[in-house]
Amino acid sequence: MKKKIIGSCLILLFLLTACGKKEEAEKEASESSSTNETTQQSAAKIEDLRDGTNFTDFDGETQLAIVFATLNDIVVAYDYGVGGAEAQLKTEMTPESISNMKESVDSMAAQQEKLRQESTEVLGRLDIFKEKAKTEEEVALLKQAQEELADVSQQILEVLAQVTPENAAMSRTTVDALKEQYLAKSEGIMTAMKKIVQVAGLDEEKFMNLTIYIIDHVAKE
C-alpha cells in the first residue's frame, strides 16, 4: 500500500509558484521549440550528472536544477516510504494488521541511511554552486530543513515499530502530531529553495524548464 504524506510534485509545485508561473504558462513554455531545444541540449549533458562528475562545468541554473531534481527524488522516497507505513496505522489494530504494517516500516527503515547519505551528497554540491557566495545562508537553511525532515521520518518509524493492539490509538495520536512536523519541515525545504532561486539571481525560466525536464526525462540512478 502506497500513500504519500505530501505530494510527489513537491518541487514541480514550487517551480510553478515560486517562479511566478501558472501551469498553462509553464506548459506553453515547455512546448516552445526554442525553449525545448535549449533545455534538451542542456539535459543531454546532464544524463551523466547523477554521480556529480563535471558539476563545476555547468552554469548556475543547471547546477541548481540538478540539485533540486535529485532532492525531489529523495523527498518523494520519504513521502512514499513513511506515508505508506503510517497510513496502515489505525486506532484499532490486530496482530496481523500490525505485522503487515511493520513490513512497510522495516522496508523504509532499511532505506533511511541511504537516503540520508544521498541527501548529504546532493546538498554537498551546493558547496561548489557558482552562486555560493550569494546563497550561503539560504543553503544552510535548506540543509537544516532536509536533515530535520529525515529526523522526523525516523521518529515516525520508531513509533510505528512499537505499535501493539493495546497502544494503537495512542500511537495514532503521536504519529498524527509527528506528521504535522513532517509537513512543516517539507514546507521549510520549499521555502529555502525559493529563497535560493531568488537570491542567486538566476534565469528563472531556464532553471525551471531544466528542473522539470530532469525530473520528467533524465534517468535516475
C-alpha atoms as a PDB file:
ATOM      1  CA  MET A   1       0.000   0.000   0.000  1.00  0.00           C
ATOM      2  CA  LYS A   2       1.490   3.307  -1.044  1.00  0.00           C
ATOM      3  CA  LYS A   3       0.276   6.594   0.305  1.00  0.00           C
ATOM      4  CA  LYS A   4       2.124   9.856   0.400  1.00  0.00           C
ATOM      5  CA  ILE A   5       2.205  12.315   3.282  1.00  0.00           C
ATOM      6  CA  ILE A   6       2.715  15.130   0.787  1.00  0.00           C
ATOM      7  CA  GLY A   7       2.517  15.277  -2.984  1.00  0.00           C
ATOM      8  CA  SER A   8       5.215  13.785  -5.177  1.00  0.00           C
ATOM      9  CA  CYS A   9       5.292  17.025  -7.177  1.00  0.00           C
ATOM     10  CA  LEU A  10       6.955  18.904  -4.316  1.00  0.00           C
ATOM     11  CA  ILE A  11       9.476  20.722  -6.469  1.00  0.00           C
ATOM     12  CA  LEU A  12       7.267  20.914  -9.547  1.00  0.00           C
ATOM     13  CA  LEU A  13       4.616  22.703  -7.499  1.00  0.00           C
ATOM     14  CA  PHE A  14       7.246  25.024  -6.080  1.00  0.00           C
ATOM     15  CA  LEU A  15       8.552  25.813  -9.546  1.00  0.00           C
ATOM     16  CA  LEU A  16       5.137  26.731 -10.861  1.00  0.00           C
ATOM     17  CA  THR A  17       4.514  29.133  -7.970  1.00  0.00           C
ATOM     18  CA  ALA A  18       7.849  30.487  -6.730  1.00  0.00           C
ATOM     19  CA  CYS A  19       8.962  31.460 -10.202  1.00  0.00           C
ATOM     20  CA  GLY A  20       5.672  33.206 -10.924  1.00  0.00           C
ATOM     21  CA  LYS A  21       4.499  30.598 -13.437  1.00  0.00           C
ATOM     22  CA  LYS A  22       0.987  29.347 -13.911  1.00  0.00           C
ATOM     23  CA  GLU A  23       0.503  25.770 -15.072  1.00  0.00           C
ATOM     24  CA  GLU A  24      -0.664  26.787 -18.532  1.00  0.00           C
ATOM     25  CA  ALA A  25       2.194  29.229 -18.986  1.00  0.00           C
ATOM     26  CA  GLU A  26       4.675  26.548 -17.979  1.00  0.00           C
ATOM     27  CA  LYS A  27       3.150  24.147 -20.483  1.00  0.00           C
ATOM     28  CA  GLU A  28       3.375  26.698 -23.280  1.00  0.00           C
ATOM     29  CA  ALA A  29       6.994  27.441 -22.433  1.00  0.00           C
ATOM     30  CA  SER A  30       7.930  23.770 -22.343  1.00  0.00           C
ATOM     31  CA  GLU A  31       6.295  23.224 -25.718  1.00  0.00           C
ATOM     32  CA  SER A  32       8.113  26.111 -27.343  1.00  0.00           C
ATOM     33  CA  SER A  33      10.568  24.742 -29.910  1.00  0.00           C
ATOM     34  CA  SER A  34      13.312  27.178 -28.949  1.00  0.00           C
ATOM     35  CA  THR A  35      12.892  26.504 -25.244  1.00  0.00           C
ATOM     36  CA  ASN A  36      12.781  22.769 -25.820  1.00  0.00           C
ATOM     37  CA  GLU A  37      15.891  22.850 -27.954  1.00  0.00           C
ATOM     38  CA  THR A  38      17.886  24.726 -25.323  1.00  0.00           C
ATOM     39  CA  THR A  39      16.547  22.606 -22.495  1.00  0.00           C
ATOM     40  CA  GLN A  40      17.168  19.311 -24.248  1.00  0.00           C
ATOM     41  CA  GLN A  41      20.664  20.303 -25.276  1.00  0.00           C
ATOM     42  CA  SER A  42      21.472  21.088 -21.650  1.00  0.00           C
ATOM     43  CA  ALA A  43      19.680  17.997 -20.366  1.00  0.00           C
ATOM     44  CA  ALA A  44      21.595  15.788 -22.772  1.00  0.00           C
ATOM     45  CA  LYS A  45      24.748  16.730 -20.892  1.00  0.00           C
ATOM     46  CA  ILE A  46      23.008  16.162 -17.566  1.00  0.00           C
ATOM     47  CA  GLU A  47      22.486  12.445 -18.225  1.00  0.00           C
ATOM     48  CA  ASP A  48      25.865  11.715 -16.651  1.00  0.00           C
ATOM     49  CA  LEU A  49      25.427  14.046 -13.699  1.00  0.00           C
ATOM     50  CA  ARG A  50      23.861  11.761 -11.116  1.00  0.00           C
ATOM     51  CA  ASP A  51      27.370  10.835  -9.973  1.00  0.00           C
ATOM     52  CA  GLY A  52      28.352  14.507  -9.693  1.00  0.00           C
ATOM     53  CA  THR A  53      31.047  14.472 -12.368  1.00  0.00           C
ATOM     54  CA  ASN A  54      31.847  17.759 -14.120  1.00  0.00           C
ATOM     55  CA  PHE A  55      29.380  19.629 -11.897  1.00  0.00           C
ATOM     56  CA  THR A  56      31.545  22.742 -11.933  1.00  0.00           C
ATOM     57  CA  ASP A  57      31.382  22.880 -15.739  1.00  0.00           C
ATOM     58  CA  PHE A  58      27.698  23.841 -15.676  1.00  0.00           C
ATOM     59  CA  ASP A  59      26.143  27.259 -15.247  1.00  0.00           C
ATOM     60  CA  GLY A  60      24.269  28.189 -12.079  1.00  0.00           C
ATOM     61  CA  GLU A  61      20.819  27.402 -13.484  1.00  0.00           C
ATOM     62  CA  THR A  62      21.866  23.895 -14.497  1.00  0.00           C
ATOM     63  CA  GLN A  63      23.690  23.233 -11.238  1.00  0.00           C
ATOM     64  CA  LEU A  64      20.664  24.213  -9.184  1.00  0.00           C
ATOM     65  CA  ALA A  65      18.301  22.252 -11.433  1.00  0.00           C
ATOM     66  CA  ILE A  66      20.390  19.106 -10.938  1.00  0.00           C
ATOM     67  CA  VAL A  67      20.426  19.514  -7.163  1.00  0.00           C
ATOM     68  CA  PHE A  68      16.719  20.282  -6.842  1.00  0.00           C
ATOM     69  CA  ALA A  69      15.624  17.492  -9.192  1.00  0.00           C
ATOM     70  CA  THR A  70      17.687  14.963  -7.254  1.00  0.00           C
ATOM     71  CA  LEU A  71      16.395  16.299  -3.943  1.00  0.00           C
ATOM     72  CA  ASN A  72      12.885  15.861  -5.308  1.00  0.00           C
ATOM     73  CA  ASP A  73      13.605  12.141  -5.808  1.00  0.00           C
ATOM     74  CA  ILE A  74      14.734  11.853  -2.198  1.00  0.00           C
ATOM     75  CA  VAL A  75      11.749  13.699  -0.729  1.00  0.00           C
ATOM     76  CA  VAL A  76       9.352  11.585  -2.788  1.00  0.00           C
ATOM     77  CA  ALA A  77      11.041   8.448  -1.420  1.00  0.00           C
ATOM     78  CA  TYR A  78      10.336   9.708   2.106  1.00  0.00           C
ATOM     79  CA  ASP A  79       6.745  10.573   1.183  1.00  0.00           C
ATOM     80  CA  TYR A  80       6.015   7.115  -0.170  1.00  0.00           C
ATOM     81  CA  GLY A  81       8.017   5.145   2.383  1.00  0.00           C
ATOM     82  CA  VAL A  82       6.878   6.870   5.552  1.00  0.00           C
ATOM     83  CA  GLY A  83       3.407   7.615   4.203  1.00  0.00           C
ATOM     84  CA  GLY A  84       2.866   4.031   3.094  1.00  0.00           C
ATOM     85  CA  ALA A  85       3.723   2.769   6.558  1.00  0.00           C
ATOM     86  CA  GLU A  86       1.833   5.300   8.659  1.00  0.00           C
ATOM     87  CA  ALA A  87      -1.316   5.041   6.532  1.00  0.00           C
ATOM     88  CA  GLN A  88      -1.751   1.489   7.835  1.00  0.00           C
ATOM     89  CA  LEU A  89      -1.844   2.585  11.477  1.00  0.00           C
ATOM     90  CA  LYS A  90      -5.406   2.643  12.800  1.00  0.00           C
ATOM     91  CA  THR A  91      -6.773   3.335  16.255  1.00  0.00           C
ATOM     92  CA  GLU A  92      -7.616  -0.365  16.489  1.00  0.00           C
ATOM     93  CA  MET A  93      -5.093  -2.912  15.255  1.00  0.00           C
ATOM     94  CA  THR A  94      -4.894  -6.692  15.210  1.00  0.00           C
ATOM     95  CA  PRO A  95      -1.642  -8.640  15.452  1.00  0.00           C
ATOM     96  CA  GLU A  96      -1.982  -9.443  11.751  1.00  0.00           C
ATOM     97  CA  SER A  97      -2.506  -5.822  10.674  1.00  0.00           C
ATOM     98  CA  ILE A  98       0.432  -4.762  12.859  1.00  0.00           C
ATOM     99  CA  SER A  99       2.622  -7.398  11.245  1.00  0.00           C
ATOM    100  CA  ASN A 100       1.679  -6.156   7.775  1.00  0.00           C
ATOM    101  CA  MET A 101       2.354  -2.549   8.765  1.00  0.00           C
ATOM    102  CA  LYS A 102       5.728  -3.415  10.240  1.00  0.00           C
ATOM    103  CA  GLU A 103       6.799  -4.952   6.942  1.00  0.00           C
ATOM    104  CA  SER A 104       6.403  -1.480   5.432  1.00  0.00           C
ATOM    105  CA  VAL A 105       8.194   0.057   8.411  1.00  0.00           C
ATOM    106  CA  ASP A 106      11.134  -2.323   8.039  1.00  0.00           C
ATOM    107  CA  SER A 107      11.319  -1.655   4.306  1.00  0.00           C
ATOM    108  CA  MET A 108      11.512   2.112   4.821  1.00  0.00           C
ATOM    109  CA  ALA A 109      13.851   1.825   7.801  1.00  0.00           C
ATOM    110  CA  ALA A 110      16.282  -0.066   5.589  1.00  0.00           C
ATOM    111  CA  GLN A 111      16.373   2.923   3.222  1.00  0.00           C
ATOM    112  CA  GLN A 112      16.921   5.590   5.871  1.00  0.00           C
ATOM    113  CA  GLU A 113      20.702   5.606   5.921  1.00  0.00           C
ATOM    114  CA  LYS A 114      20.902   5.504   2.125  1.00  0.00           C
ATOM    115  CA  LEU A 115      18.528   8.465   1.809  1.00  0.00           C
ATOM    116  CA  ARG A 116      20.466  10.456   4.392  1.00  0.00           C
ATOM    117  CA  GLN A 117      23.688   9.771   2.524  1.00  0.00           C
ATOM    118  CA  GLU A 118      22.130  10.760  -0.797  1.00  0.00           C
ATOM    119  CA  SER A 119      20.818  13.979   0.771  1.00  0.00           C
ATOM    120  CA  THR A 120      24.262  14.831   2.122  1.00  0.00           C
ATOM    121  CA  GLU A 121      25.890  14.154  -1.231  1.00  0.00           C
ATOM    122  CA  VAL A 122      23.481  16.162  -3.368  1.00  0.00           C
ATOM    123  CA  LEU A 123      23.304  19.107  -0.970  1.00  0.00           C
ATOM    124  CA  GLY A 124      27.079  19.000  -0.732  1.00  0.00           C
ATOM    125  CA  ARG A 125      27.174  20.032  -4.377  1.00  0.00           C
ATOM    126  CA  LEU A 126      25.871  23.421  -3.319  1.00  0.00           C
ATOM    127  CA  ASP A 127      29.253  23.972  -1.669  1.00  0.00           C
ATOM    128  CA  ILE A 128      30.612  24.448  -5.197  1.00  0.00           C
ATOM    129  CA  PHE A 129      27.499  26.164  -6.574  1.00  0.00           C
ATOM    130  CA  LYS A 130      28.522  29.087  -8.783  1.00  0.00           C
ATOM    131  CA  GLU A 131      26.377  31.470  -6.717  1.00  0.00           C
ATOM    132  CA  LYS A 132      27.554  30.088  -3.354  1.00  0.00           C
ATOM    133  CA  ALA A 133      28.713  33.469  -2.071  1.00  0.00           C
ATOM    134  CA  LYS A 134      25.218  34.924  -2.518  1.00  0.00           C
ATOM    135  CA  THR A 135      23.290  31.998  -1.072  1.00  0.00           C
ATOM    136  CA  GLU A 136      25.255  30.623   1.882  1.00  0.00           C
ATOM    137  CA  GLU A 137      22.539  31.462   4.416  1.00  0.00           C
ATOM    138  CA  GLU A 138      19.747  30.015   2.271  1.00  0.00           C
ATOM    139  CA  VAL A 139      21.726  26.850   1.506  1.00  0.00           C
ATOM    140  CA  ALA A 140      22.357  26.351   5.231  1.00  0.00           C
ATOM    141  CA  LEU A 141      18.610  26.606   5.857  1.00  0.00           C
ATOM    142  CA  LEU A 142      17.904  24.062   3.122  1.00  0.00           C
ATOM    143  CA  LYS A 143      20.409  21.590   4.557  1.00  0.00           C
ATOM    144  CA  GLN A 144      18.921  22.031   8.023  1.00  0.00           C
ATOM    145  CA  ALA A 145      15.353  21.523   6.782  1.00  0.00           C
ATOM    146  CA  GLN A 146      16.306  18.353   4.904  1.00  0.00           C
ATOM    147  CA  GLU A 147      18.085  16.934   7.961  1.00  0.00           C
ATOM    148  CA  GLU A 148      15.089  17.733  10.152  1.00  0.00           C
ATOM    149  CA  LEU A 149      12.774  16.002   7.665  1.00  0.00           C
ATOM    150  CA  ALA A 150      14.913  12.868   7.930  1.00  0.00           C
ATOM    151  CA  ASP A 151      14.834  13.094  11.735  1.00  0.00           C
ATOM    152  CA  VAL A 152      11.037  13.356  11.872  1.00  0.00           C
ATOM    153  CA  SER A 153      10.736  10.455   9.430  1.00  0.00           C
ATOM    154  CA  GLN A 154      12.890   8.376  11.754  1.00  0.00           C
ATOM    155  CA  GLN A 155      10.726   9.315  14.739  1.00  0.00           C
ATOM    156  CA  ILE A 156       7.572   8.231  12.900  1.00  0.00           C
ATOM    157  CA  LEU A 157       9.114   4.886  12.009  1.00  0.00           C
ATOM    158  CA  GLU A 158      10.240   4.345  15.599  1.00  0.00           C
ATOM    159  CA  VAL A 159       6.694   4.886  16.874  1.00  0.00           C
ATOM    160  CA  LEU A 160       5.270   2.542  14.246  1.00  0.00           C
ATOM    161  CA  ALA A 161       7.797  -0.142  15.143  1.00  0.00           C
ATOM    162  CA  GLN A 162       6.495  -0.188  18.735  1.00  0.00           C
ATOM    163  CA  VAL A 163       2.767  -0.433  17.969  1.00  0.00           C
ATOM    164  CA  THR A 164       0.741  -3.074  19.787  1.00  0.00           C
ATOM    165  CA  PRO A 165      -3.013  -3.718  19.857  1.00  0.00           C
ATOM    166  CA  GLU A 166      -3.079  -2.037  23.266  1.00  0.00           C
ATOM    167  CA  ASN A 167      -1.292   1.199  22.309  1.00  0.00           C
ATOM    168  CA  ALA A 168      -2.562   1.615  18.743  1.00  0.00           C
ATOM    169  CA  ALA A 169      -4.861   4.568  19.500  1.00  0.00           C
ATOM    170  CA  MET A 170      -2.164   6.449  21.419  1.00  0.00           C
ATOM    171  CA  SER A 171       0.361   5.668  18.682  1.00  0.00           C
ATOM    172  CA  ARG A 172      -2.008   7.059  16.060  1.00  0.00           C
ATOM    173  CA  THR A 173      -2.257  10.317  18.010  1.00  0.00           C
ATOM    174  CA  THR A 174       1.526  10.519  18.323  1.00  0.00           C
ATOM    175  CA  VAL A 175       2.056   9.868  14.626  1.00  0.00           C
ATOM    176  CA  ASP A 176      -0.534  12.490  13.675  1.00  0.00           C
ATOM    177  CA  ALA A 177       1.433  15.071  15.656  1.00  0.00           C
ATOM    178  CA  LEU A 178       4.670  13.974  14.001  1.00  0.00           C
ATOM    179  CA  LYS A 179       3.021  14.238  10.583  1.00  0.00           C
ATOM    180  CA  GLU A 180       2.338  17.895  11.277  1.00  0.00           C
ATOM    181  CA  GLN A 181       6.041  18.331  11.995  1.00  0.00           C
ATOM    182  CA  TYR A 182       6.874  16.445   8.803  1.00  0.00           C
ATOM    183  CA  LEU A 183       4.722  18.784   6.759  1.00  0.00           C
ATOM    184  CA  ALA A 184       6.306  21.801   8.436  1.00  0.00           C
ATOM    185  CA  LYS A 185       9.794  20.519   7.582  1.00  0.00           C
ATOM    186  CA  SER A 186       8.706  19.906   3.990  1.00  0.00           C
ATOM    187  CA  GLU A 187       7.448  23.470   3.809  1.00  0.00           C
ATOM    188  CA  GLY A 188      10.805  24.583   5.185  1.00  0.00           C
ATOM    189  CA  ILE A 189      12.551  22.815   2.317  1.00  0.00           C
ATOM    190  CA  MET A 190      10.365  24.588  -0.238  1.00  0.00           C
ATOM    191  CA  THR A 191      10.848  27.960   1.442  1.00  0.00           C
ATOM    192  CA  ALA A 192      14.625  27.560   1.403  1.00  0.00           C
ATOM    193  CA  MET A 193      14.535  26.524  -2.255  1.00  0.00           C
ATOM    194  CA  LYS A 194      12.539  29.599  -3.193  1.00  0.00           C
ATOM    195  CA  LYS A 195      14.998  31.849  -1.417  1.00  0.00           C
ATOM    196  CA  ILE A 196      17.999  30.249  -3.121  1.00  0.00           C
ATOM    197  CA  VAL A 197      16.477  30.825  -6.562  1.00  0.00           C
ATOM    198  CA  GLN A 198      15.575  34.414  -5.740  1.00  0.00           C
ATOM    199  CA  VAL A 199      18.834  35.398  -4.034  1.00  0.00           C
ATOM    200  CA  ALA A 200      21.058  33.735  -6.647  1.00  0.00           C
ATOM    201  CA  GLY A 201      19.619  35.988  -9.356  1.00  0.00           C
ATOM    202  CA  LEU A 202      19.353  33.183 -11.897  1.00  0.00           C
ATOM    203  CA  ASP A 203      17.391  32.967 -15.144  1.00  0.00           C
ATOM    204  CA  GLU A 204      14.285  31.517 -13.512  1.00  0.00           C
ATOM    205  CA  GLU A 205      12.636  30.295 -16.709  1.00  0.00           C
ATOM    206  CA  LYS A 206      15.743  28.416 -17.796  1.00  0.00           C
ATOM    207  CA  PHE A 207      16.166  26.957 -14.315  1.00  0.00           C
ATOM    208  CA  MET A 208      12.508  25.954 -14.118  1.00  0.00           C
ATOM    209  CA  ASN A 209      12.441  24.258 -17.514  1.00  0.00           C
ATOM    210  CA  LEU A 210      15.665  22.377 -16.807  1.00  0.00           C
ATOM    211  CA  THR A 211      14.438  21.129 -13.443  1.00  0.00           C
ATOM    212  CA  ILE A 212      11.133  19.923 -14.851  1.00  0.00           C
ATOM    213  CA  TYR A 213      12.934  18.266 -17.757  1.00  0.00           C
ATOM    214  CA  ILE A 214      15.333  16.431 -15.444  1.00  0.00           C
ATOM    215  CA  ILE A 215      12.532  15.228 -13.165  1.00  0.00           C
ATOM    216  CA  ASP A 216      10.456  14.028 -16.108  1.00  0.00           C
ATOM    217  CA  HIS A 217      13.066  12.693 -18.519  1.00  0.00           C
ATOM    218  CA  VAL A 218      16.544  12.150 -17.103  1.00  0.00           C
ATOM    219  CA  ALA A 219      17.164   8.623 -15.860  1.00  0.00           C
ATOM    220  CA  LYS A 220      17.678   8.225 -12.127  1.00  0.00           C
ATOM    221  CA  GLU A 221      20.392   6.089 -10.560  1.00  0.00           C
END
